[in-house]
Amino acid sequence: MVIPDVKELAEKIEKMEIRGAGKIARTGARGLKLTAEKSSAGNTEEFLKELKEVSDILLGTRPTAISLANSLRFVTKDIESLSETEDLPDLKKRVISRAEEFVELSEKARERIGEIGSRRISDGDTIMTHCHSTNALSVIKTAFNQGKDIRVIACEARPRQQGFITARELMESNIPTTLIVDSAARYFMKDVDKVIVGADSIAANGAVVNKIGTSQIALTAYEARVVFFVAAESYKFHPQTLVGRLVEIEERDPKEVADPSKLPNVEIRNPAFDVTPAEYIDLIITERGIIPPEAAYEILREHFELGPESEIF
């Protein structure tokens, strides 16, 4: 039985009340923690069934954000085999402990990315960013707090306009910021020194899945010879891409774009993400260090010590 608190978390993720790949991942871990804390299971078999049901519900909310699946993998790793030797109270404690560990590691990773990435920001830089990435903002804020004179150009990120969240956050940090419509990115690229974006998933070949519009900005930066950085925790690398599986691109409700009743004979499409090829990406900033896109394969083979076909259970 899925507890109401976890259902509420899943609904908030699906409705984008909880947004951002890192925050979604931490919420997934917290969902499993809540399940363990409030479980009514009478034995380990029932408890495993509860964890599986909760994992399936959470996974269905945002299929493109591999961070969510990887957080669930982290918490439930080897849980079935452990259930053969551990009693129910110990198994619950293990899930709670792992969930807390993941949240702590995730938060520290964001801080570390800020520290590492800020070294690549120079005094006087103008930085373009897209959507709302806490990792990209960590790099920008850390550089600014180091005393570097920087400016930011933030794209609005239609149709949900997460760029407004970015602009507001930068404003509150007193960082000079310009908000632009997505289609103006090429117009302003001549004024940009570096582009920094986040990621929802990173494939084994170094391609990056991020908010729709990212690939256009990357192409524009490539043409203008502007350095393009991706800031992402290592748990956003997608293990199934090692064996050729494609990242699922989520399409959201067309009503986010326009009212279908006002355009009755028009098909309205609303893909939430796009894929930026590795050749348009200069470097990926992770908590483990800065890597070229080609090194994504090695990160995937090492992270979580999981094989490419690892499942949640």
Protein backbone atom coordinates (compact mmCIF):
# COMPACT_ATOMS: atom_id res chain seq x y z
CA MET A 1 0.00 0.00 0.00
CA VAL A 2 1.34 3.41 -1.02
CA ILE A 3 1.02 5.94 1.77
CA PRO A 4 -0.76 9.26 0.98
CA ASP A 5 2.40 11.30 1.65
CA VAL A 6 4.26 9.46 -1.11
CA LYS A 7 1.34 9.80 -3.54
CA GLU A 8 1.40 13.52 -2.83
CA LEU A 9 5.12 13.70 -3.61
CA ALA A 10 4.56 11.84 -6.89
CA GLU A 11 1.75 14.21 -7.88
CA LYS A 12 3.93 17.23 -7.12
CA ILE A 13 6.72 15.86 -9.32
CA GLU A 14 4.29 15.11 -12.16
CA LYS A 15 2.71 18.57 -11.95
CA MET A 16 6.17 20.16 -11.77
CA GLU A 17 5.51 21.64 -8.36
CA ILE A 18 8.73 19.81 -7.54
CA ARG A 19 11.08 20.43 -10.45
CA GLY A 20 14.74 20.14 -11.34
CA ALA A 21 16.49 16.80 -11.81
CA GLY A 22 18.44 16.98 -8.56
CA LYS A 23 15.45 17.97 -6.48
CA ILE A 24 13.36 15.24 -8.12
CA ALA A 25 16.06 12.67 -7.30
CA ARG A 26 16.18 13.73 -3.66
CA THR A 27 12.39 13.62 -3.51
CA GLY A 28 12.45 10.06 -4.86
CA ALA A 29 14.85 9.02 -2.11
CA ARG A 30 12.67 10.73 0.48
CA GLY A 31 9.64 8.85 -0.90
CA LEU A 32 11.34 5.54 -0.19
CA LYS A 33 12.40 6.78 3.23
CA LEU A 34 8.80 7.72 4.06
CA THR A 35 7.66 4.29 2.88
CA ALA A 36 10.13 2.59 5.21
CA GLU A 37 9.21 4.85 8.14
CA LYS A 38 5.45 4.39 7.76
CA SER A 39 5.29 0.90 6.31
CA SER A 40 2.55 -1.38 7.61
CA ALA A 41 4.20 -4.48 6.13
CA GLY A 42 4.14 -7.53 8.36
CA ASN A 43 7.12 -9.25 6.74
CA THR A 44 10.02 -8.58 4.36
CA GLU A 45 8.09 -9.84 1.32
CA GLU A 46 5.31 -7.31 1.90
CA PHE A 47 7.88 -4.56 2.48
CA LEU A 48 9.66 -5.31 -0.80
CA LYS A 49 6.30 -5.20 -2.55
CA GLU A 50 5.63 -1.75 -1.05
CA LEU A 51 9.04 -0.47 -2.19
CA LYS A 52 8.45 -1.80 -5.71
CA GLU A 53 5.01 -0.18 -5.92
CA VAL A 54 6.33 3.16 -4.70
CA SER A 55 9.30 3.00 -7.10
CA ASP A 56 7.01 2.31 -10.07
CA ILE A 57 4.75 5.25 -9.18
CA LEU A 58 7.69 7.63 -8.78
CA LEU A 59 9.37 6.44 -11.99
CA GLY A 60 6.22 7.13 -13.99
CA THR A 61 6.16 10.81 -13.07
CA ARG A 62 9.12 12.13 -15.12
CA PRO A 63 10.55 9.46 -17.46
CA THR A 64 13.37 11.60 -18.88
CA ALA A 65 14.99 12.48 -15.53
CA ILE A 66 17.36 9.54 -15.01
CA SER A 67 18.37 11.14 -11.72
CA LEU A 68 15.12 9.84 -10.24
CA ALA A 69 15.74 6.25 -11.35
CA ASN A 70 19.35 6.42 -10.17
CA SER A 71 18.32 7.69 -6.74
CA LEU A 72 15.91 4.76 -6.38
CA ARG A 73 18.65 2.37 -7.51
CA PHE A 74 21.00 3.80 -4.90
CA VAL A 75 18.50 3.30 -2.09
CA THR A 76 17.29 -0.18 -3.14
CA LYS A 77 20.58 -1.68 -4.32
CA ASP A 78 20.75 -5.41 -3.39
CA ILE A 79 17.66 -4.99 -1.22
CA GLU A 80 16.13 -8.29 -2.37
CA SER A 81 19.21 -10.34 -1.58
CA LEU A 82 19.64 -8.55 1.74
CA SER A 83 16.06 -9.44 2.67
CA GLU A 84 17.15 -13.09 2.85
CA THR A 85 19.53 -12.40 5.74
CA GLU A 86 18.13 -9.29 7.45
CA ASP A 87 14.91 -9.03 9.43
CA LEU A 88 12.23 -6.45 8.64
CA PRO A 89 13.30 -3.73 11.15
CA ASP A 90 16.91 -3.87 9.92
CA LEU A 91 15.78 -3.74 6.28
CA LYS A 92 13.71 -0.64 6.98
CA LYS A 93 16.64 1.01 8.75
CA ARG A 94 18.85 0.26 5.76
CA VAL A 95 16.42 1.94 3.33
CA ILE A 96 16.11 4.99 5.60
CA SER A 97 19.89 5.23 6.01
CA ARG A 98 20.56 4.94 2.28
CA ALA A 99 17.91 7.54 1.45
CA GLU A 100 19.47 9.99 3.89
CA GLU A 101 22.91 9.22 2.48
CA PHE A 102 21.75 9.91 -1.08
CA VAL A 103 20.20 13.26 -0.13
CA GLU A 104 23.39 14.30 1.66
CA LEU A 105 25.60 13.22 -1.25
CA SER A 106 23.35 15.05 -3.71
CA GLU A 107 23.48 18.31 -1.79
CA LYS A 108 27.25 18.09 -1.36
CA ALA A 109 27.63 17.33 -5.07
CA ARG A 110 25.88 20.58 -5.99
CA GLU A 111 28.24 22.55 -3.76
CA ARG A 112 31.27 20.75 -5.17
CA ILE A 113 30.15 21.44 -8.75
CA GLY A 114 29.93 25.12 -7.86
CA GLU A 115 33.47 25.11 -6.49
CA ILE A 116 34.94 23.21 -9.45
CA GLY A 117 33.01 25.06 -12.14
CA SER A 118 33.75 28.52 -10.76
CA ARG A 119 37.42 28.00 -11.65
CA ARG A 120 36.41 28.15 -15.31
CA ILE A 121 34.67 31.51 -14.90
CA SER A 122 36.79 34.58 -15.53
CA ASP A 123 36.42 38.12 -14.23
CA GLY A 124 34.29 40.07 -16.69
CA ASP A 125 32.50 37.05 -18.19
CA THR A 126 28.97 37.22 -19.54
CA ILE A 127 27.30 33.86 -19.04
CA MET A 128 24.19 32.54 -20.76
CA THR A 129 22.03 29.91 -19.06
CA HIS A 130 18.79 28.16 -19.93
CA CYS A 131 15.84 27.01 -17.84
CA HIS A 132 16.51 26.61 -14.08
CA SER A 133 19.51 24.52 -13.10
CA THR A 134 20.66 24.56 -9.49
CA ASN A 135 24.05 23.26 -10.64
CA ALA A 136 24.53 26.00 -13.23
CA LEU A 137 23.45 28.53 -10.62
CA SER A 138 25.88 27.00 -8.11
CA VAL A 139 28.75 27.66 -10.53
CA ILE A 140 27.56 31.21 -11.25
CA LYS A 141 26.89 32.14 -7.62
CA THR A 142 30.18 30.68 -6.41
CA ALA A 143 32.11 32.66 -9.03
CA PHE A 144 30.24 35.84 -8.09
CA ASN A 145 30.84 35.28 -4.38
CA GLN A 146 34.54 34.97 -5.15
CA GLY A 147 34.40 38.58 -6.27
CA LYS A 148 34.33 37.99 -10.02
CA ASP A 149 32.54 40.67 -12.04
CA ILE A 150 30.07 38.62 -14.10
CA ARG A 151 26.76 39.13 -15.84
CA VAL A 152 24.11 36.54 -16.76
CA ILE A 153 21.73 36.25 -19.70
CA ALA A 154 18.87 33.92 -18.78
CA CYS A 155 16.52 32.41 -21.38
CA GLU A 156 12.87 32.24 -20.30
CA ALA A 157 12.44 28.51 -21.11
CA ARG A 158 9.00 28.33 -22.67
CA PRO A 159 6.35 27.16 -22.06
CA ARG A 160 6.68 26.84 -18.26
CA GLN A 161 9.09 29.80 -18.06
CA GLN A 162 11.48 28.29 -15.53
CA GLY A 163 13.92 30.98 -16.64
CA PHE A 164 11.91 33.42 -14.52
CA ILE A 165 12.85 31.36 -11.45
CA THR A 166 16.51 31.62 -12.49
CA ALA A 167 16.28 35.37 -13.04
CA ARG A 168 14.60 35.89 -9.68
CA GLU A 169 17.20 33.79 -7.87
CA LEU A 170 20.05 35.68 -9.54
CA MET A 171 18.40 39.00 -8.72
CA GLU A 172 18.15 38.01 -5.05
CA SER A 173 21.90 37.27 -5.14
CA ASN A 174 22.55 40.73 -6.65
CA ILE A 175 24.01 39.24 -9.84
CA PRO A 176 23.41 41.49 -12.90
CA THR A 177 20.92 39.58 -15.04
CA THR A 178 19.14 40.00 -18.37
CA LEU A 179 16.05 37.89 -19.15
CA ILE A 180 15.41 37.09 -22.82
CA VAL A 181 12.96 35.04 -24.87
CA ASP A 182 14.37 31.71 -26.06
CA SER A 183 14.40 32.74 -29.71
CA ALA A 184 16.71 35.68 -28.91
CA ALA A 185 19.60 33.42 -27.84
CA ARG A 186 21.38 33.71 -31.17
CA TYR A 187 20.93 37.50 -31.22
CA PHE A 188 22.69 37.83 -27.85
CA MET A 189 25.34 35.13 -28.34
CA LYS A 190 27.78 37.73 -29.67
CA ASP A 191 27.88 39.20 -26.16
CA VAL A 192 28.41 35.86 -24.40
CA ASP A 193 31.71 34.39 -23.14
CA LYS A 194 30.39 31.09 -21.78
CA VAL A 195 27.18 29.07 -21.70
CA ILE A 196 26.37 26.95 -18.64
CA VAL A 197 23.33 24.66 -18.50
CA GLY A 198 22.22 21.72 -16.38
CA ALA A 199 21.17 18.25 -17.50
CA ASP A 200 18.34 15.80 -16.92
CA SER A 201 20.20 12.84 -18.43
CA ILE A 202 23.64 12.25 -19.95
CA ALA A 203 24.14 9.36 -22.36
CA ALA A 204 27.16 7.07 -22.67
CA ASN A 205 28.23 8.88 -25.86
CA GLY A 206 28.30 12.24 -24.04
CA ALA A 207 25.05 13.56 -25.49
CA VAL A 208 23.03 15.63 -23.00
CA VAL A 209 19.27 15.63 -22.53
CA ASN A 210 18.06 18.91 -21.08
CA LYS A 211 15.20 21.38 -21.28
CA ILE A 212 13.83 21.90 -24.79
CA GLY A 213 15.79 24.64 -26.53
CA THR A 214 19.17 23.62 -25.08
CA SER A 215 20.37 22.03 -28.33
CA GLN A 216 19.61 25.21 -30.30
CA ILE A 217 21.62 27.27 -27.83
CA ALA A 218 24.47 24.74 -28.01
CA LEU A 219 24.51 24.92 -31.82
CA THR A 220 24.51 28.71 -31.71
CA ALA A 221 27.39 28.69 -29.21
CA TYR A 222 29.28 26.20 -31.38
CA GLU A 223 28.93 28.44 -34.44
CA ALA A 224 29.99 31.49 -32.44
CA ARG A 225 32.93 29.64 -30.82
CA VAL A 226 31.52 30.23 -27.34
CA VAL A 227 32.46 27.65 -24.70
CA PHE A 228 29.52 25.43 -23.73
CA PHE A 229 29.53 23.82 -20.28
CA VAL A 230 27.12 21.30 -18.76
CA ALA A 231 26.93 21.15 -14.95
CA ALA A 232 25.56 17.85 -13.63
CA GLU A 233 25.97 15.35 -10.82
CA SER A 234 27.32 11.95 -11.80
CA TYR A 235 23.98 10.31 -10.94
CA LYS A 236 22.48 12.02 -14.00
CA PHE A 237 24.46 9.74 -16.30
CA HIS A 238 22.12 7.18 -17.89
CA PRO A 239 23.32 3.55 -17.39
CA GLN A 240 20.98 1.95 -19.94
CA THR A 241 22.53 3.99 -22.76
CA LEU A 242 25.62 1.80 -22.39
CA VAL A 243 23.71 -0.92 -24.23
CA GLY A 244 22.12 1.37 -26.81
CA ARG A 245 18.84 2.23 -25.11
CA LEU A 246 17.54 5.65 -26.12
CA VAL A 247 16.58 8.23 -23.51
CA GLU A 248 12.81 8.66 -23.44
CA ILE A 249 11.81 12.23 -24.24
CA GLU A 250 8.79 13.32 -22.24
CA GLU A 251 5.95 15.16 -24.01
CA ARG A 252 3.77 17.22 -21.74
CA ASP A 253 0.20 18.49 -21.97
CA PRO A 254 -0.35 20.63 -25.12
CA LYS A 255 -2.37 23.03 -22.96
CA GLU A 256 0.93 24.31 -21.56
CA VAL A 257 1.60 25.75 -25.04
CA ALA A 258 -1.84 26.90 -26.17
CA ASP A 259 -5.56 26.27 -25.65
CA PRO A 260 -6.44 23.43 -28.08
CA SER A 261 -10.08 24.59 -28.23
CA LYS A 262 -8.93 27.81 -29.93
CA LEU A 263 -6.99 25.83 -32.55
CA PRO A 264 -9.32 22.86 -33.21
CA ASN A 265 -7.62 21.65 -36.40
CA VAL A 266 -4.04 22.19 -35.24
CA GLU A 267 -1.84 19.54 -33.64
CA ILE A 268 0.00 21.04 -30.67
CA ARG A 269 3.23 19.33 -29.58
CA ASN A 270 5.01 19.98 -26.31
CA PRO A 271 8.29 18.04 -25.94
CA ALA A 272 9.86 18.92 -22.59
CA PHE A 273 13.45 18.05 -23.52
CA ASP A 274 15.84 17.77 -26.44
CA VAL A 275 19.21 16.10 -27.06
CA THR A 276 22.43 18.08 -27.46
CA PRO A 277 25.10 16.10 -29.36
CA ALA A 278 28.46 15.63 -27.65
CA GLU A 279 30.29 17.56 -30.37
CA TYR A 280 28.56 20.79 -29.28
CA ILE A 281 29.62 20.33 -25.65
CA ASP A 282 33.08 21.43 -24.50
CA LEU A 283 33.13 20.12 -20.94
CA ILE A 284 30.88 18.51 -18.34
CA ILE A 285 31.33 19.73 -14.77
CA THR A 286 30.64 17.00 -12.21
CA GLU A 287 31.34 16.67 -8.49
CA ARG A 288 34.16 14.29 -9.47
CA GLY A 289 35.83 16.87 -11.67
CA ILE A 290 35.58 18.31 -15.16
CA ILE A 291 35.44 15.79 -18.00
CA PRO A 292 35.06 15.91 -21.77
CA PRO A 293 31.80 14.41 -23.08
CA GLU A 294 33.77 11.41 -24.37
CA ALA A 295 34.54 10.40 -20.77
CA ALA A 296 30.85 9.83 -19.96
CA TYR A 297 31.30 6.12 -20.64
CA GLU A 298 33.86 5.77 -17.83
CA ILE A 299 31.68 7.66 -15.35
CA LEU A 300 28.81 5.31 -16.15
CA ARG A 301 30.88 2.17 -15.69
CA GLU A 302 32.07 3.33 -12.27
CA HIS A 303 29.03 5.04 -10.79
CA PHE A 304 26.92 3.03 -8.33
CA GLU A 305 28.95 -0.06 -9.39
CA LEU A 306 25.98 -1.00 -11.55
CA GLY A 307 25.85 -2.90 -14.80
CA PRO A 308 24.06 -1.28 -17.76
CA GLU A 309 20.97 -3.43 -17.29
CA SER A 310 20.57 -2.85 -13.54
CA GLU A 311 16.97 -2.58 -12.46
CA ILE A 312 15.48 -0.87 -9.42
CA PHE A 313 15.11 -4.34 -7.87
